[in-house]
Amino acid sequence: MDEVDAASTLGNFNKSKYYQDENATAVITVLEDHLDKVISSLQSSIQSPDIIKGKRIKDVLKAFQNIVTFISKNETKREHYLALDLWCEPLKSIHDASASANVQKTCQSILKTVSNMVQEQKEKDAEMAAETAARELLQMEEEKSTTPKTKASSKKNKSTSKKKKKKSKR
């Protein structure tokens, strides 16, 4: 499956009937495998000055909307969420450069959705970091409480045991 097929499959898959299909898991896996390539292809195309004109940009924006919808409906890699953040500046540029109200509206819609998704991912990352730090702290505390006695306390025990031996010999 190449990037073009993946993008068109993505658009069809986002329609709810595909989520009820028994093969949905297989389709999701294939789409996720190609999602990085689709995103990079769209990033390359959006930077071309020829694309920004007319209907071409509408096709790119529609493909991007499909990607955003797919990522939001599926538990994809966190990198996919963060890769969307790279689209904000080009989308703002297209919004500002376009004379079409429809293109501007689509850009605004995508930007709002992407901003929310990226913010949610960053919040999840912060929660995960806090949980990891808490686990590590607990683990360090447990290790401290279960560490063997220090040398000073073991010397004390040795001297006590020598005294006991001397007493028992008498």
Protein backbone atom coordinates (compact mmCIF):
# COMPACT_ATOMS: atom_id res chain seq x y z
CA MET A 1 0.00 0.00 0.00
CA ASP A 2 1.55 3.32 -0.97
CA GLU A 3 0.89 6.74 0.57
CA VAL A 4 -1.88 7.62 -1.90
CA ASP A 5 -3.76 4.38 -1.21
CA ALA A 6 -3.25 4.85 2.51
CA ALA A 7 -4.67 8.39 2.36
CA SER A 8 -7.77 7.31 0.42
CA THR A 9 -8.26 4.28 2.69
CA LEU A 10 -7.95 6.62 5.63
CA GLY A 11 -10.77 8.79 4.31
CA ASN A 12 -13.03 5.78 3.79
CA PHE A 13 -12.07 4.26 7.12
CA ASN A 14 -13.07 7.35 9.05
CA LYS A 15 -16.68 6.69 8.08
CA SER A 16 -18.32 4.92 10.99
CA LYS A 17 -19.33 1.75 9.09
CA TYR A 18 -15.67 0.73 8.80
CA TYR A 19 -15.25 0.73 12.57
CA GLN A 20 -17.85 -2.02 12.82
CA ASP A 21 -16.02 -4.28 10.37
CA GLU A 22 -14.38 -7.43 11.76
CA ASN A 23 -11.19 -6.57 9.90
CA ALA A 24 -11.01 -3.12 11.49
CA THR A 25 -8.01 -4.06 13.63
CA ALA A 26 -6.05 -5.18 10.58
CA VAL A 27 -6.99 -2.02 8.68
CA ILE A 28 -6.01 0.16 11.64
CA THR A 29 -2.64 -1.56 11.84
CA VAL A 30 -1.95 -1.05 8.13
CA LEU A 31 -3.00 2.58 8.30
CA GLU A 32 -0.88 3.23 11.39
CA ASP A 33 2.11 1.64 9.66
CA HIS A 34 1.75 4.08 6.76
CA LEU A 35 0.64 7.12 8.72
CA ASP A 36 4.17 8.52 9.09
CA LYS A 37 4.65 8.36 5.32
CA VAL A 38 1.29 9.97 4.64
CA ILE A 39 2.02 12.79 7.09
CA SER A 40 5.47 13.44 5.60
CA SER A 41 4.05 13.36 2.05
CA LEU A 42 1.42 15.93 2.98
CA GLN A 43 4.02 18.06 4.73
CA SER A 44 6.12 18.07 1.56
CA SER A 45 3.15 18.87 -0.65
CA ILE A 46 1.88 21.69 1.52
CA GLN A 47 5.19 23.51 1.14
CA SER A 48 4.90 23.53 -2.65
CA PRO A 49 3.71 26.89 -4.00
CA ASP A 50 1.63 25.16 -6.70
CA ILE A 51 -0.43 23.30 -4.10
CA ILE A 52 -1.55 26.42 -2.30
CA LYS A 53 -3.56 27.55 -5.30
CA GLY A 54 -7.21 26.66 -5.78
CA LYS A 55 -8.60 23.17 -5.51
CA ARG A 56 -5.25 21.53 -4.85
CA ILE A 57 -5.01 22.93 -1.35
CA LYS A 58 -8.56 21.76 -0.64
CA ASP A 59 -7.50 18.17 -1.43
CA VAL A 60 -4.49 18.45 0.85
CA LEU A 61 -6.60 19.92 3.65
CA LYS A 62 -9.20 17.16 3.22
CA ALA A 63 -6.47 14.53 3.46
CA PHE A 64 -5.13 16.23 6.54
CA GLN A 65 -8.61 16.31 8.09
CA ASN A 66 -8.81 12.56 7.48
CA ILE A 67 -5.49 12.05 9.25
CA VAL A 68 -6.58 14.17 12.20
CA THR A 69 -9.88 12.27 12.45
CA PHE A 70 -8.12 8.91 12.26
CA ILE A 71 -5.59 9.85 14.93
CA SER A 72 -8.29 11.20 17.23
CA LYS A 73 -10.47 8.07 16.89
CA ASN A 74 -7.64 5.58 17.38
CA GLU A 75 -5.00 5.13 20.02
CA THR A 76 -2.05 5.82 17.74
CA LYS A 77 1.54 6.51 18.74
CA ARG A 78 2.14 9.65 20.75
CA GLU A 79 4.55 10.73 18.00
CA HIS A 80 1.57 11.01 15.63
CA TYR A 81 -0.11 13.46 17.98
CA LEU A 82 3.04 15.49 18.35
CA ALA A 83 3.69 15.40 14.58
CA LEU A 84 0.40 17.22 14.13
CA ASP A 85 1.90 20.14 16.01
CA LEU A 86 4.33 20.63 13.11
CA TRP A 87 1.35 21.42 10.91
CA CYS A 88 0.19 24.44 12.86
CA GLU A 89 2.54 26.98 11.26
CA PRO A 90 1.92 25.87 7.63
CA LEU A 91 -1.83 25.85 8.30
CA LYS A 92 -1.67 29.37 9.74
CA SER A 93 0.28 30.48 6.66
CA ILE A 94 -2.27 28.94 4.32
CA HIS A 95 -5.09 30.52 6.32
CA ASP A 96 -3.49 33.95 6.06
CA ALA A 97 -2.50 33.60 2.38
CA SER A 98 -5.77 32.19 1.08
CA ALA A 99 -8.50 34.37 -0.36
CA SER A 100 -11.01 31.52 -0.08
CA ALA A 101 -13.31 31.70 2.92
CA ASN A 102 -13.81 27.92 2.70
CA VAL A 103 -10.05 27.25 2.91
CA GLN A 104 -9.73 29.67 5.82
CA LYS A 105 -12.61 28.02 7.65
CA THR A 106 -11.14 24.55 7.07
CA CYS A 107 -7.73 25.70 8.31
CA GLN A 108 -9.29 27.20 11.45
CA SER A 109 -11.21 24.00 12.14
CA ILE A 110 -8.13 21.82 11.71
CA LEU A 111 -5.99 24.16 13.82
CA LYS A 112 -8.51 24.10 16.67
CA THR A 113 -8.74 20.30 16.60
CA VAL A 114 -4.99 19.85 16.33
CA SER A 115 -4.32 22.31 19.15
CA ASN A 116 -6.70 20.42 21.44
CA MET A 117 -5.21 17.04 20.52
CA VAL A 118 -1.62 18.21 21.03
CA GLN A 119 -2.54 19.84 24.34
CA GLU A 120 -4.21 16.62 25.54
CA GLN A 121 -1.11 14.61 24.55
CA LYS A 122 1.17 17.02 26.39
CA GLU A 123 -1.04 16.73 29.49
CA LYS A 124 -0.89 12.92 29.24
CA ASP A 125 2.90 13.13 28.92
CA ALA A 126 3.08 15.33 32.02
CA GLU A 127 0.88 12.90 33.97
CA MET A 128 3.03 9.98 32.85
CA ALA A 129 6.20 11.83 33.87
CA ALA A 130 4.72 12.60 37.30
CA GLU A 131 3.64 8.97 37.77
CA THR A 132 7.07 7.73 36.72
CA ALA A 133 8.79 10.14 39.12
CA ALA A 134 6.50 9.03 41.96
CA ARG A 135 7.21 5.35 41.23
CA GLU A 136 10.95 5.98 41.15
CA LEU A 137 10.77 7.86 44.45
CA LEU A 138 8.83 5.01 46.08
CA GLN A 139 11.31 2.51 44.72
CA MET A 140 14.23 4.52 46.13
CA GLU A 141 12.53 4.72 49.53
CA GLU A 142 11.89 0.97 49.51
CA GLU A 143 15.51 0.30 48.62
CA LYS A 144 16.67 2.54 51.51
CA SER A 145 14.46 0.73 53.99
CA THR A 146 15.61 -2.73 52.86
CA THR A 147 19.33 -1.99 52.55
CA PRO A 148 21.67 -4.02 54.81
CA LYS A 149 23.00 -2.52 58.01
CA THR A 150 25.83 -0.05 57.72
CA LYS A 151 29.45 -0.96 58.57
CA ALA A 152 29.27 0.89 61.88
CA SER A 153 26.29 -1.15 63.04
CA SER A 154 27.88 -4.42 61.84
CA LYS A 155 31.11 -3.58 63.78
CA LYS A 156 28.98 -3.03 66.85
CA ASN A 157 27.37 -6.43 66.34
CA LYS A 158 30.81 -8.06 65.94
CA SER A 159 32.10 -6.53 69.17
CA THR A 160 28.95 -7.66 70.96
CA SER A 161 29.38 -11.18 69.65
CA LYS A 162 33.08 -11.22 70.79
CA LYS A 163 31.96 -10.24 74.30
CA LYS A 164 29.41 -13.04 74.28
CA LYS A 165 32.07 -15.54 73.23
CA LYS A 166 34.42 -14.39 76.04
CA LYS A 167 31.62 -14.73 78.58
CA SER A 168 30.75 -18.19 77.37
CA LYS A 169 34.40 -19.34 77.66
CA ARG A 170 34.57 -18.33 81.33
